[in-house]
Amino acid sequence: MSLTIPPVELLQDGLEKVPEAARFLCLSRSKVYQLMDRGELPYVQLGRSRRIPRRALVQLAASHLVTARQN
């Protein structure tokens, strides 16, 4: 995912733990880790823990939003 939000703004809504992010995206925890490892989902490393900016979750979901069927 290419970041369209500056890093400081990306963090302004807070951070989510991986299980919370997985629930928000309706994905498994392992899929969320895959997205982070592939660079598709930015995260903050705090010691051994990863935290995901809430805005990054919204941006990821919005980037995959389908609004009309293509024929």
PDB file of N, CA and C in Angstrom:
ATOM      1  N   MET A   1       0.853  -1.173   0.000  1.00  0.00           N
ATOM      2  CA  MET A   1       0.000   0.000   0.000  1.00  0.00           C
ATOM      3  C   MET A   1       0.888   1.222   0.000  1.00  0.00           C
ATOM      4  N   SER A   2       0.612   2.139  -0.877  1.00  0.00           N
ATOM      5  CA  SER A   2       1.369   3.382  -0.858  1.00  0.00           C
ATOM      6  C   SER A   2       0.691   4.330   0.121  1.00  0.00           C
ATOM      7  N   LEU A   3       1.486   4.901   0.987  1.00  0.00           N
ATOM      8  CA  LEU A   3       0.929   5.800   1.985  1.00  0.00           C
ATOM      9  C   LEU A   3       0.536   7.122   1.358  1.00  0.00           C
ATOM     10  N   THR A   4      -0.717   7.496   1.531  1.00  0.00           N
ATOM     11  CA  THR A   4      -1.160   8.804   1.066  1.00  0.00           C
ATOM     12  C   THR A   4      -1.331   9.752   2.241  1.00  0.00           C
ATOM     13  N   ILE A   5      -1.197   9.225   3.437  1.00  0.00           N
ATOM     14  CA  ILE A   5      -1.315  10.025   4.654  1.00  0.00           C
ATOM     15  C   ILE A   5       0.077  10.177   5.248  1.00  0.00           C
ATOM     16  N   PRO A   6       0.496  11.419   5.568  1.00  0.00           N
ATOM     17  CA  PRO A   6       1.811  11.604   6.201  1.00  0.00           C
ATOM     18  C   PRO A   6       1.904  10.799   7.500  1.00  0.00           C
ATOM     19  N   PRO A   7       3.103  10.288   7.828  1.00  0.00           N
ATOM     20  CA  PRO A   7       3.265   9.423   9.004  1.00  0.00           C
ATOM     21  C   PRO A   7       2.707   9.983  10.302  1.00  0.00           C
ATOM     22  N   VAL A   8       2.901  11.266  10.577  1.00  0.00           N
ATOM     23  CA  VAL A   8       2.402  11.836  11.840  1.00  0.00           C
ATOM     24  C   VAL A   8       0.877  11.807  11.863  1.00  0.00           C
ATOM     25  N   GLU A   9       0.245  12.145  10.744  1.00  0.00           N
ATOM     26  CA  GLU A   9      -1.217  12.099  10.683  1.00  0.00           C
ATOM     27  C   GLU A   9      -1.729  10.673  10.769  1.00  0.00           C
ATOM     28  N   LEU A  10      -0.988   9.735  10.223  1.00  0.00           N
ATOM     29  CA  LEU A  10      -1.371   8.326  10.247  1.00  0.00           C
ATOM     30  C   LEU A  10      -1.531   7.836  11.682  1.00  0.00           C
ATOM     31  N   LEU A  11      -0.753   8.387  12.598  1.00  0.00           N
ATOM     32  CA  LEU A  11      -0.759   7.942  13.991  1.00  0.00           C
ATOM     33  C   LEU A  11      -1.742   8.688  14.884  1.00  0.00           C
ATOM     34  N   GLN A  12      -2.354   9.756  14.389  1.00  0.00           N
ATOM     35  CA  GLN A  12      -3.171  10.614  15.247  1.00  0.00           C
ATOM     36  C   GLN A  12      -4.416   9.945  15.817  1.00  0.00           C
ATOM     37  N   ASP A  13      -4.945   8.936  15.165  1.00  0.00           N
ATOM     38  CA  ASP A  13      -6.139   8.261  15.680  1.00  0.00           C
ATOM     39  C   ASP A  13      -5.801   7.094  16.599  1.00  0.00           C
ATOM     40  N   GLY A  14      -4.522   6.870  16.847  1.00  0.00           N
ATOM     41  CA  GLY A  14      -4.121   5.813  17.764  1.00  0.00           C
ATOM     42  C   GLY A  14      -3.699   4.547  17.053  1.00  0.00           C
ATOM     43  N   LEU A  15      -3.373   3.568  17.864  1.00  0.00           N
ATOM     44  CA  LEU A  15      -2.838   2.302  17.369  1.00  0.00           C
ATOM     45  C   LEU A  15      -3.722   1.148  17.827  1.00  0.00           C
ATOM     46  N   GLU A  16      -3.739   0.102  17.019  1.00  0.00           N
ATOM     47  CA  GLU A  16      -4.491  -1.108  17.339  1.00  0.00           C
ATOM     48  C   GLU A  16      -3.543  -2.293  17.459  1.00  0.00           C
ATOM     49  N   LYS A  17      -3.880  -3.227  18.327  1.00  0.00           N
ATOM     50  CA  LYS A  17      -3.151  -4.484  18.402  1.00  0.00           C
ATOM     51  C   LYS A  17      -3.563  -5.344  17.208  1.00  0.00           C
ATOM     52  N   VAL A  18      -2.754  -6.337  16.893  1.00  0.00           N
ATOM     53  CA  VAL A  18      -3.012  -7.188  15.730  1.00  0.00           C
ATOM     54  C   VAL A  18      -4.393  -7.861  15.801  1.00  0.00           C
ATOM     55  N   PRO A  19      -4.799  -8.438  16.931  1.00  0.00           N
ATOM     56  CA  PRO A  19      -6.134  -9.059  16.954  1.00  0.00           C
ATOM     57  C   PRO A  19      -7.270  -8.070  16.676  1.00  0.00           C
ATOM     58  N   GLU A  20      -7.123  -6.830  17.177  1.00  0.00           N
ATOM     59  CA  GLU A  20      -8.133  -5.804  16.920  1.00  0.00           C
ATOM     60  C   GLU A  20      -8.163  -5.446  15.436  1.00  0.00           C
ATOM     61  N   ALA A  21      -6.983  -5.333  14.834  1.00  0.00           N
ATOM     62  CA  ALA A  21      -6.893  -5.029  13.406  1.00  0.00           C
ATOM     63  C   ALA A  21      -7.512  -6.155  12.584  1.00  0.00           C
ATOM     64  N   ALA A  22      -7.259  -7.387  12.986  1.00  0.00           N
ATOM     65  CA  ALA A  22      -7.827  -8.535  12.275  1.00  0.00           C
ATOM     66  C   ALA A  22      -9.347  -8.513  12.339  1.00  0.00           C
ATOM     67  N   ARG A  23      -9.902  -8.189  13.506  1.00  0.00           N
ATOM     68  CA  ARG A  23     -11.358  -8.095  13.632  1.00  0.00           C
ATOM     69  C   ARG A  23     -11.909  -6.984  12.747  1.00  0.00           C
ATOM     70  N   PHE A  24     -11.243  -5.829  12.734  1.00  0.00           N
ATOM     71  CA  PHE A  24     -11.707  -4.705  11.921  1.00  0.00           C
ATOM     72  C   PHE A  24     -11.741  -5.076  10.442  1.00  0.00           C
ATOM     73  N   LEU A  25     -10.698  -5.757   9.968  1.00  0.00           N
ATOM     74  CA  LEU A  25     -10.600  -6.118   8.556  1.00  0.00           C
ATOM     75  C   LEU A  25     -11.312  -7.430   8.227  1.00  0.00           C
ATOM     76  N   CYS A  26     -11.822  -8.122   9.244  1.00  0.00           N
ATOM     77  CA  CYS A  26     -12.453  -9.445   9.068  1.00  0.00           C
ATOM     78  C   CYS A  26     -11.482 -10.419   8.417  1.00  0.00           C
ATOM     79  N   LEU A  27     -10.257 -10.418   8.918  1.00  0.00           N
ATOM     80  CA  LEU A  27      -9.199 -11.306   8.445  1.00  0.00           C
ATOM     81  C   LEU A  27      -8.623 -12.066   9.633  1.00  0.00           C
ATOM     82  N   SER A  28      -7.853 -13.099   9.348  1.00  0.00           N
ATOM     83  CA  SER A  28      -7.162 -13.818  10.415  1.00  0.00           C
ATOM     84  C   SER A  28      -5.945 -13.008  10.873  1.00  0.00           C
ATOM     85  N   ARG A  29      -5.466 -13.327  12.064  1.00  0.00           N
ATOM     86  CA  ARG A  29      -4.251 -12.666  12.562  1.00  0.00           C
ATOM     87  C   ARG A  29      -3.082 -12.943  11.637  1.00  0.00           C
ATOM     88  N   SER A  30      -2.977 -14.170  11.143  1.00  0.00           N
ATOM     89  CA  SER A  30      -1.844 -14.509  10.272  1.00  0.00           C
ATOM     90  C   SER A  30      -1.891 -13.705   8.973  1.00  0.00           C
ATOM     91  N   LYS A  31      -3.084 -13.435   8.457  1.00  0.00           N
ATOM     92  CA  LYS A  31      -3.202 -12.627   7.239  1.00  0.00           C
ATOM     93  C   LYS A  31      -2.757 -11.187   7.508  1.00  0.00           C
ATOM     94  N   VAL A  32      -3.074 -10.662   8.686  1.00  0.00           N
ATOM     95  CA  VAL A  32      -2.640  -9.307   9.051  1.00  0.00           C
ATOM     96  C   VAL A  32      -1.117  -9.263   9.130  1.00  0.00           C
ATOM     97  N   TYR A  33      -0.503 -10.285   9.738  1.00  0.00           N
ATOM     98  CA  TYR A  33       0.963 -10.343   9.777  1.00  0.00           C
ATOM     99  C   TYR A  33       1.543 -10.428   8.365  1.00  0.00           C
ATOM    100  N   GLN A  34       0.906 -11.179   7.478  1.00  0.00           N
ATOM    101  CA  GLN A  34       1.369 -11.255   6.088  1.00  0.00           C
ATOM    102  C   GLN A  34       1.314  -9.884   5.418  1.00  0.00           C
ATOM    103  N   LEU A  35       0.232  -9.159   5.620  1.00  0.00           N
ATOM    104  CA  LEU A  35       0.103  -7.818   5.037  1.00  0.00           C
ATOM    105  C   LEU A  35       1.207  -6.897   5.552  1.00  0.00           C
ATOM    106  N   MET A  36       1.517  -6.994   6.840  1.00  0.00           N
ATOM    107  CA  MET A  36       2.589  -6.175   7.404  1.00  0.00           C
ATOM    108  C   MET A  36       3.940  -6.591   6.836  1.00  0.00           C
ATOM    109  N   ASP A  37       4.187  -7.889   6.764  1.00  0.00           N
ATOM    110  CA  ASP A  37       5.483  -8.381   6.278  1.00  0.00           C
ATOM    111  C   ASP A  37       5.707  -8.049   4.802  1.00  0.00           C
ATOM    112  N   ARG A  38       4.627  -7.982   4.020  1.00  0.00           N
ATOM    113  CA  ARG A  38       4.735  -7.627   2.596  1.00  0.00           C
ATOM    114  C   ARG A  38       4.792  -6.116   2.373  1.00  0.00           C
ATOM    115  N   GLY A  39       4.643  -5.339   3.444  1.00  0.00           N
ATOM    116  CA  GLY A  39       4.696  -3.894   3.320  1.00  0.00           C
ATOM    117  C   GLY A  39       3.389  -3.273   2.876  1.00  0.00           C
ATOM    118  N   GLU A  40       2.302  -4.030   2.898  1.00  0.00           N
ATOM    119  CA  GLU A  40       0.998  -3.518   2.484  1.00  0.00           C
ATOM    120  C   GLU A  40       0.256  -2.833   3.623  1.00  0.00           C
ATOM    121  N   LEU A  41       0.684  -3.084   4.846  1.00  0.00           N
ATOM    122  CA  LEU A  41       0.054  -2.493   6.017  1.00  0.00           C
ATOM    123  C   LEU A  41       1.150  -1.971   6.933  1.00  0.00           C
ATOM    124  N   PRO A  42       1.245  -0.652   7.091  1.00  0.00           N
ATOM    125  CA  PRO A  42       2.292  -0.093   7.956  1.00  0.00           C
ATOM    126  C   PRO A  42       1.997  -0.404   9.423  1.00  0.00           C
ATOM    127  N   TYR A  43       3.055  -0.461  10.208  1.00  0.00           N
ATOM    128  CA  TYR A  43       2.908  -0.734  11.631  1.00  0.00           C
ATOM    129  C   TYR A  43       4.032  -0.064  12.402  1.00  0.00           C
ATOM    130  N   VAL A  44       3.835   0.001  13.712  1.00  0.00           N
ATOM    131  CA  VAL A  44       4.823   0.537  14.640  1.00  0.00           C
ATOM    132  C   VAL A  44       5.366  -0.640  15.435  1.00  0.00           C
ATOM    133  N   GLN A  45       6.681  -0.742  15.524  1.00  0.00           N
ATOM    134  CA  GLN A  45       7.315  -1.811  16.299  1.00  0.00           C
ATOM    135  C   GLN A  45       7.657  -1.252  17.674  1.00  0.00           C
ATOM    136  N   LEU A  46       7.066  -1.812  18.715  1.00  0.00           N
ATOM    137  CA  LEU A  46       7.329  -1.414  20.095  1.00  0.00           C
ATOM    138  C   LEU A  46       7.865  -2.633  20.828  1.00  0.00           C
ATOM    139  N   GLY A  47       9.170  -2.724  20.929  1.00  0.00           N
ATOM    140  CA  GLY A  47       9.768  -3.932  21.486  1.00  0.00           C
ATOM    141  C   GLY A  47       9.489  -5.080  20.535  1.00  0.00           C
ATOM    142  N   ARG A  48       8.853  -6.130  21.037  1.00  0.00           N
ATOM    143  CA  ARG A  48       8.493  -7.260  20.179  1.00  0.00           C
ATOM    144  C   ARG A  48       7.059  -7.153  19.671  1.00  0.00           C
ATOM    145  N   SER A  49       6.352  -6.121  20.102  1.00  0.00           N
ATOM    146  CA  SER A  49       4.945  -5.951  19.730  1.00  0.00           C
ATOM    147  C   SER A  49       4.804  -5.066  18.499  1.00  0.00           C
ATOM    148  N   ARG A  50       3.795  -5.376  17.712  1.00  0.00           N
ATOM    149  CA  ARG A  50       3.461  -4.542  16.558  1.00  0.00           C
ATOM    150  C   ARG A  50       2.111  -3.882  16.826  1.00  0.00           C
ATOM    151  N   ARG A  51       2.030  -2.618  16.479  1.00  0.00           N
ATOM    152  CA  ARG A  51       0.781  -1.869  16.588  1.00  0.00           C
ATOM    153  C   ARG A  51       0.504  -1.236  15.232  1.00  0.00           C
ATOM    154  N   ILE A  52      -0.746  -1.236  14.841  1.00  0.00           N
ATOM    155  CA  ILE A  52      -1.143  -0.764  13.521  1.00  0.00           C
ATOM    156  C   ILE A  52      -1.960   0.512  13.674  1.00  0.00           C
ATOM    157  N   PRO A  53      -1.585   1.568  12.958  1.00  0.00           N
ATOM    158  CA  PRO A  53      -2.372   2.804  13.020  1.00  0.00           C
ATOM    159  C   PRO A  53      -3.798   2.571  12.524  1.00  0.00           C
ATOM    160  N   ARG A  54      -4.777   3.083  13.260  1.00  0.00           N
ATOM    161  CA  ARG A  54      -6.183   2.942  12.860  1.00  0.00           C
ATOM    162  C   ARG A  54      -6.420   3.493  11.462  1.00  0.00           C
ATOM    163  N   ARG A  55      -5.809   4.628  11.164  1.00  0.00           N
ATOM    164  CA  ARG A  55      -5.995   5.219   9.835  1.00  0.00           C
ATOM    165  C   ARG A  55      -5.458   4.321   8.729  1.00  0.00           C
ATOM    166  N   ALA A  56      -4.408   3.559   9.014  1.00  0.00           N
ATOM    167  CA  ALA A  56      -3.863   2.640   8.013  1.00  0.00           C
ATOM    168  C   ALA A  56      -4.861   1.528   7.718  1.00  0.00           C
ATOM    169  N   LEU A  57      -5.586   1.088   8.738  1.00  0.00           N
ATOM    170  CA  LEU A  57      -6.603   0.064   8.542  1.00  0.00           C
ATOM    171  C   LEU A  57      -7.734   0.586   7.662  1.00  0.00           C
ATOM    172  N   VAL A  58      -8.168   1.797   7.945  1.00  0.00           N
ATOM    173  CA  VAL A  58      -9.235   2.407   7.148  1.00  0.00           C
ATOM    174  C   VAL A  58      -8.764   2.612   5.715  1.00  0.00           C
ATOM    175  N   GLN A  59      -7.534   3.086   5.560  1.00  0.00           N
ATOM    176  CA  GLN A  59      -6.997   3.333   4.225  1.00  0.00           C
ATOM    177  C   GLN A  59      -6.866   2.025   3.433  1.00  0.00           C
ATOM    178  N   LEU A  60      -6.428   0.961   4.092  1.00  0.00           N
ATOM    179  CA  LEU A  60      -6.306  -0.328   3.414  1.00  0.00           C
ATOM    180  C   LEU A  60      -7.674  -0.815   2.949  1.00  0.00           C
ATOM    181  N   ALA A  61      -8.657  -0.749   3.822  1.00  0.00           N
ATOM    182  CA  ALA A  61     -10.004  -1.182   3.455  1.00  0.00           C
ATOM    183  C   ALA A  61     -10.557  -0.313   2.316  1.00  0.00           C
ATOM    184  N   ALA A  62     -10.355   0.988   2.407  1.00  0.00           N
ATOM    185  CA  ALA A  62     -10.856   1.895   1.364  1.00  0.00           C
ATOM    186  C   ALA A  62     -10.183   1.644   0.027  1.00  0.00           C
ATOM    187  N   SER A  63      -8.917   1.246   0.042  1.00  0.00           N
ATOM    188  CA  SER A  63      -8.205   1.016  -1.214  1.00  0.00           C
ATOM    189  C   SER A  63      -8.707  -0.231  -1.941  1.00  0.00           C
ATOM    190  N   HIS A  64      -9.441  -1.089  -1.231  1.00  0.00           N
ATOM    191  CA  HIS A  64     -10.005  -2.290  -1.842  1.00  0.00           C
ATOM    192  C   HIS A  64     -11.525  -2.213  -1.985  1.00  0.00           C
ATOM    193  N   LEU A  65     -12.072  -1.031  -1.787  1.00  0.00           N
ATOM    194  CA  LEU A  65     -13.515  -0.829  -1.859  1.00  0.00           C
ATOM    195  C   LEU A  65     -13.990  -0.965  -3.302  1.00  0.00           C
ATOM    196  N   VAL A  66     -14.996  -1.782  -3.497  1.00  0.00           N
ATOM    197  CA  VAL A  66     -15.603  -1.949  -4.820  1.00  0.00           C
ATOM    198  C   VAL A  66     -16.936  -1.221  -4.787  1.00  0.00           C
ATOM    199  N   THR A  67     -17.088  -0.233  -5.666  1.00  0.00           N
ATOM    200  CA  THR A  67     -18.313   0.553  -5.666  1.00  0.00           C
ATOM    201  C   THR A  67     -19.242   0.198  -6.823  1.00  0.00           C
ATOM    202  N   ALA A  68     -18.717  -0.395  -7.861  1.00  0.00           N
ATOM    203  CA  ALA A  68     -19.551  -0.780  -9.001  1.00  0.00           C
ATOM    204  C   ALA A  68     -18.957  -2.013  -9.648  1.00  0.00           C
ATOM    205  N   ARG A  69     -19.801  -2.876 -10.128  1.00  0.00           N
ATOM    206  CA  ARG A  69     -19.320  -4.079 -10.815  1.00  0.00           C
ATOM    207  C   ARG A  69     -18.838  -3.714 -12.185  1.00  0.00           C
ATOM    208  N   GLN A  70     -17.679  -4.263 -12.542  1.00  0.00           N
ATOM    209  CA  GLN A  70     -17.157  -4.065 -13.878  1.00  0.00           C
ATOM    210  C   GLN A  70     -17.533  -5.259 -14.730  1.00  0.00           C
ATOM    211  N   ASN A  71     -18.021  -5.022 -15.924  1.00  0.00           N
ATOM    212  CA  ASN A  71     -18.409  -6.113 -16.829  1.00  0.00           C
ATOM    213  C   ASN A  71     -17.294  -6.441 -17.777  1.00  0.00           C
TER     214      ASN A  71
END
